[in-house]
Amino acid sequence: QVQLVESGGGSVQAGGSLRLSCAASGYTVSRNCMGWFRQAAGKQREWVSYISYYGTTRVADSVKGRFDVSKDAAKNTLYLQMNSLNPEDTAIYYCAGGVGGICGGQETSFTYWGQGTQVTVSS
């Protein structure tokens, strides 16, 4: 079975940093597009970032310049480096994996999902 397991969430003060990890099993990170989404309380899930099979990266305007997505083939792990965090970044963050070369900034681009990890940023 495919499993995506996020870790690295927690509570930080505004201006701080966190690095989220998404460890995959039954799925090859290096051969697929993978993305990050987040869902704040009372709001819809929104796309944050993705990295394609080719290594092309995209981030949402709301986090541009602050967040970076990467992956480590040897560790079969996806990462999201989050810097200059602010309270509006508070959300549950989800790792997502695509299949068949499909990639994009929409939920429908992804087939597999992690359980989510909470990020809380205090002012």
C-alpha atoms as a PDB file:
ATOM      1  CA  GLN A   1       0.000   0.000   0.000  1.00  0.00           C
ATOM      2  CA  VAL A   2       1.085   3.537  -0.671  1.00  0.00           C
ATOM      3  CA  GLN A   3       1.730   5.555   2.445  1.00  0.00           C
ATOM      4  CA  LEU A   4       2.721   9.186   2.763  1.00  0.00           C
ATOM      5  CA  VAL A   5       3.596  10.234   6.286  1.00  0.00           C
ATOM      6  CA  GLU A   6       4.180  13.859   7.203  1.00  0.00           C
ATOM      7  CA  SER A   7       6.292  15.017  10.096  1.00  0.00           C
ATOM      8  CA  GLY A   8       7.933  18.191  11.321  1.00  0.00           C
ATOM      9  CA  GLY A   9       4.896  20.226  12.197  1.00  0.00           C
ATOM     10  CA  GLY A  10       4.559  22.078  15.444  1.00  0.00           C
ATOM     11  CA  SER A  11       4.051  25.439  17.064  1.00  0.00           C
ATOM     12  CA  VAL A  12       6.328  28.385  16.346  1.00  0.00           C
ATOM     13  CA  GLN A  13       6.330  32.120  16.778  1.00  0.00           C
ATOM     14  CA  ALA A  14       5.855  34.478  13.871  1.00  0.00           C
ATOM     15  CA  GLY A  15       9.062  34.842  11.912  1.00  0.00           C
ATOM     16  CA  GLY A  16      10.199  31.340  12.720  1.00  0.00           C
ATOM     17  CA  SER A  17      10.875  28.373  10.477  1.00  0.00           C
ATOM     18  CA  LEU A  18       9.813  24.765  10.170  1.00  0.00           C
ATOM     19  CA  ARG A  19      10.787  21.970   7.822  1.00  0.00           C
ATOM     20  CA  LEU A  20       8.094  19.476   6.975  1.00  0.00           C
ATOM     21  CA  SER A  21       8.939  16.014   5.728  1.00  0.00           C
ATOM     22  CA  CYS A  22       6.843  13.512   3.823  1.00  0.00           C
ATOM     23  CA  ALA A  23       8.220   9.991   3.897  1.00  0.00           C
ATOM     24  CA  ALA A  24       6.824   7.718   1.213  1.00  0.00           C
ATOM     25  CA  SER A  25       6.493   3.963   1.090  1.00  0.00           C
ATOM     26  CA  GLY A  26       5.101   1.894  -1.764  1.00  0.00           C
ATOM     27  CA  TYR A  27       5.669   4.964  -3.925  1.00  0.00           C
ATOM     28  CA  THR A  28       8.727   6.465  -5.562  1.00  0.00           C
ATOM     29  CA  VAL A  29       9.096  10.142  -4.803  1.00  0.00           C
ATOM     30  CA  SER A  30      11.724  10.745  -7.470  1.00  0.00           C
ATOM     31  CA  ARG A  31       9.537   9.450 -10.290  1.00  0.00           C
ATOM     32  CA  ASN A  32       6.426  11.473  -9.607  1.00  0.00           C
ATOM     33  CA  CYS A  33       5.076  14.924  -9.112  1.00  0.00           C
ATOM     34  CA  MET A  34       4.461  15.650  -5.454  1.00  0.00           C
ATOM     35  CA  GLY A  35       2.828  18.558  -3.751  1.00  0.00           C
ATOM     36  CA  TRP A  36       1.872  20.251  -0.543  1.00  0.00           C
ATOM     37  CA  PHE A  37      -1.539  21.553   0.420  1.00  0.00           C
ATOM     38  CA  ARG A  38      -2.847  23.172   3.561  1.00  0.00           C
ATOM     39  CA  GLN A  39      -6.188  23.702   5.193  1.00  0.00           C
ATOM     40  CA  ALA A  40      -6.813  26.383   7.763  1.00  0.00           C
ATOM     41  CA  ALA A  41      -9.675  26.109  10.204  1.00  0.00           C
ATOM     42  CA  GLY A  42     -12.963  26.940   8.540  1.00  0.00           C
ATOM     43  CA  LYS A  43     -11.410  27.260   5.095  1.00  0.00           C
ATOM     44  CA  GLN A  44     -11.013  25.169   1.983  1.00  0.00           C
ATOM     45  CA  ARG A  45      -7.880  23.207   1.342  1.00  0.00           C
ATOM     46  CA  GLU A  46      -5.485  25.219  -0.773  1.00  0.00           C
ATOM     47  CA  TRP A  47      -2.483  24.348  -2.854  1.00  0.00           C
ATOM     48  CA  VAL A  48       0.897  25.427  -1.500  1.00  0.00           C
ATOM     49  CA  SER A  49       3.581  23.960  -3.739  1.00  0.00           C
ATOM     50  CA  TYR A  50       4.635  21.139  -6.022  1.00  0.00           C
ATOM     51  CA  ILE A  51       7.757  19.641  -7.504  1.00  0.00           C
ATOM     52  CA  SER A  52       7.574  17.703 -10.744  1.00  0.00           C
ATOM     53  CA  TYR A  53       9.365  14.579 -11.900  1.00  0.00           C
ATOM     54  CA  TYR A  54      11.752  16.874 -13.751  1.00  0.00           C
ATOM     55  CA  GLY A  55      12.395  18.988 -10.673  1.00  0.00           C
ATOM     56  CA  THR A  56      10.309  21.941 -11.750  1.00  0.00           C
ATOM     57  CA  THR A  57       8.977  23.707  -8.676  1.00  0.00           C
ATOM     58  CA  ARG A  58       6.042  26.014  -8.142  1.00  0.00           C
ATOM     59  CA  VAL A  59       4.767  27.753  -5.052  1.00  0.00           C
ATOM     60  CA  ALA A  60       1.576  29.618  -4.395  1.00  0.00           C
ATOM     61  CA  ASP A  61       1.733  33.389  -4.405  1.00  0.00           C
ATOM     62  CA  SER A  62       0.866  33.448  -0.725  1.00  0.00           C
ATOM     63  CA  VAL A  63       4.105  31.672   0.201  1.00  0.00           C
ATOM     64  CA  LYS A  64       6.404  32.728  -2.618  1.00  0.00           C
ATOM     65  CA  GLY A  65       9.812  33.730  -1.350  1.00  0.00           C
ATOM     66  CA  ARG A  66       9.204  32.071   2.004  1.00  0.00           C
ATOM     67  CA  PHE A  67       8.590  28.385   1.261  1.00  0.00           C
ATOM     68  CA  ASP A  68      10.720  25.983  -0.755  1.00  0.00           C
ATOM     69  CA  VAL A  69       9.848  22.472  -1.895  1.00  0.00           C
ATOM     70  CA  SER A  70      12.422  19.770  -2.528  1.00  0.00           C
ATOM     71  CA  LYS A  71      12.841  16.009  -2.548  1.00  0.00           C
ATOM     72  CA  ASP A  72      15.545  13.516  -1.710  1.00  0.00           C
ATOM     73  CA  ALA A  73      15.489  10.437  -3.922  1.00  0.00           C
ATOM     74  CA  ALA A  74      17.825   8.454  -1.687  1.00  0.00           C
ATOM     75  CA  LYS A  75      15.546   8.977   1.304  1.00  0.00           C
ATOM     76  CA  ASN A  76      12.362   8.762  -0.770  1.00  0.00           C
ATOM     77  CA  THR A  77      11.184  11.871   1.032  1.00  0.00           C
ATOM     78  CA  LEU A  78       9.539  15.146   0.089  1.00  0.00           C
ATOM     79  CA  TYR A  79      10.255  18.337   2.036  1.00  0.00           C
ATOM     80  CA  LEU A  80       8.739  21.742   2.562  1.00  0.00           C
ATOM     81  CA  GLN A  81      11.014  24.347   4.073  1.00  0.00           C
ATOM     82  CA  MET A  82       8.926  27.109   5.603  1.00  0.00           C
ATOM     83  CA  ASN A  83      10.577  30.373   6.579  1.00  0.00           C
ATOM     84  CA  SER A  84       9.292  33.704   7.845  1.00  0.00           C
ATOM     85  CA  LEU A  85       6.156  32.069   9.106  1.00  0.00           C
ATOM     86  CA  ASN A  86       3.207  34.212  10.028  1.00  0.00           C
ATOM     87  CA  PRO A  87      -0.106  33.446  11.731  1.00  0.00           C
ATOM     88  CA  GLU A  88      -1.949  33.083   8.425  1.00  0.00           C
ATOM     89  CA  ASP A  89       0.246  30.063   7.712  1.00  0.00           C
ATOM     90  CA  THR A  90      -1.470  28.215  10.539  1.00  0.00           C
ATOM     91  CA  ALA A  91      -3.083  25.145   9.018  1.00  0.00           C
ATOM     92  CA  ILE A  92      -2.919  21.421   8.645  1.00  0.00           C
ATOM     93  CA  TYR A  93      -0.377  20.668   5.947  1.00  0.00           C
ATOM     94  CA  TYR A  94      -0.850  17.696   3.651  1.00  0.00           C
ATOM     95  CA  CYS A  95       1.604  15.880   1.445  1.00  0.00           C
ATOM     96  CA  ALA A  96       0.268  14.625  -1.881  1.00  0.00           C
ATOM     97  CA  GLY A  97       1.590  12.338  -4.599  1.00  0.00           C
ATOM     98  CA  GLY A  98       0.671  12.226  -8.256  1.00  0.00           C
ATOM     99  CA  VAL A  99       0.804   9.346 -10.705  1.00  0.00           C
ATOM    100  CA  GLY A 100       1.263   8.881 -14.421  1.00  0.00           C
ATOM    101  CA  GLY A 101       3.105  12.139 -14.964  1.00  0.00           C
ATOM    102  CA  ILE A 102       0.159  14.251 -13.885  1.00  0.00           C
ATOM    103  CA  CYS A 103       1.180  17.425 -12.117  1.00  0.00           C
ATOM    104  CA  GLY A 104      -0.388  20.712 -11.140  1.00  0.00           C
ATOM    105  CA  GLY A 105      -1.630  23.029  -8.446  1.00  0.00           C
ATOM    106  CA  GLN A 106      -4.999  21.358  -7.984  1.00  0.00           C
ATOM    107  CA  GLU A 107      -6.162  18.573  -5.715  1.00  0.00           C
ATOM    108  CA  THR A 108      -7.213  16.578  -8.766  1.00  0.00           C
ATOM    109  CA  SER A 109      -3.594  16.366  -9.894  1.00  0.00           C
ATOM    110  CA  PHE A 110      -2.807  14.065  -6.982  1.00  0.00           C
ATOM    111  CA  THR A 111      -3.821  10.557  -6.103  1.00  0.00           C
ATOM    112  CA  TYR A 112      -2.206   9.818  -2.752  1.00  0.00           C
ATOM    113  CA  TRP A 113      -2.423  11.883   0.397  1.00  0.00           C
ATOM    114  CA  GLY A 114      -0.809  11.960   3.782  1.00  0.00           C
ATOM    115  CA  GLN A 115      -2.654  12.310   7.052  1.00  0.00           C
ATOM    116  CA  GLY A 116      -1.610  15.905   7.597  1.00  0.00           C
ATOM    117  CA  THR A 117       0.545  17.632  10.160  1.00  0.00           C
ATOM    118  CA  GLN A 118      -0.456  20.666  12.182  1.00  0.00           C
ATOM    119  CA  VAL A 119       1.472  23.906  11.885  1.00  0.00           C
ATOM    120  CA  THR A 120       0.574  26.652  14.315  1.00  0.00           C
ATOM    121  CA  VAL A 121       2.155  30.094  14.149  1.00  0.00           C
ATOM    122  CA  SER A 122       1.584  32.480  17.018  1.00  0.00           C
ATOM    123  CA  SER A 123       1.792  36.252  16.804  1.00  0.00           C
END
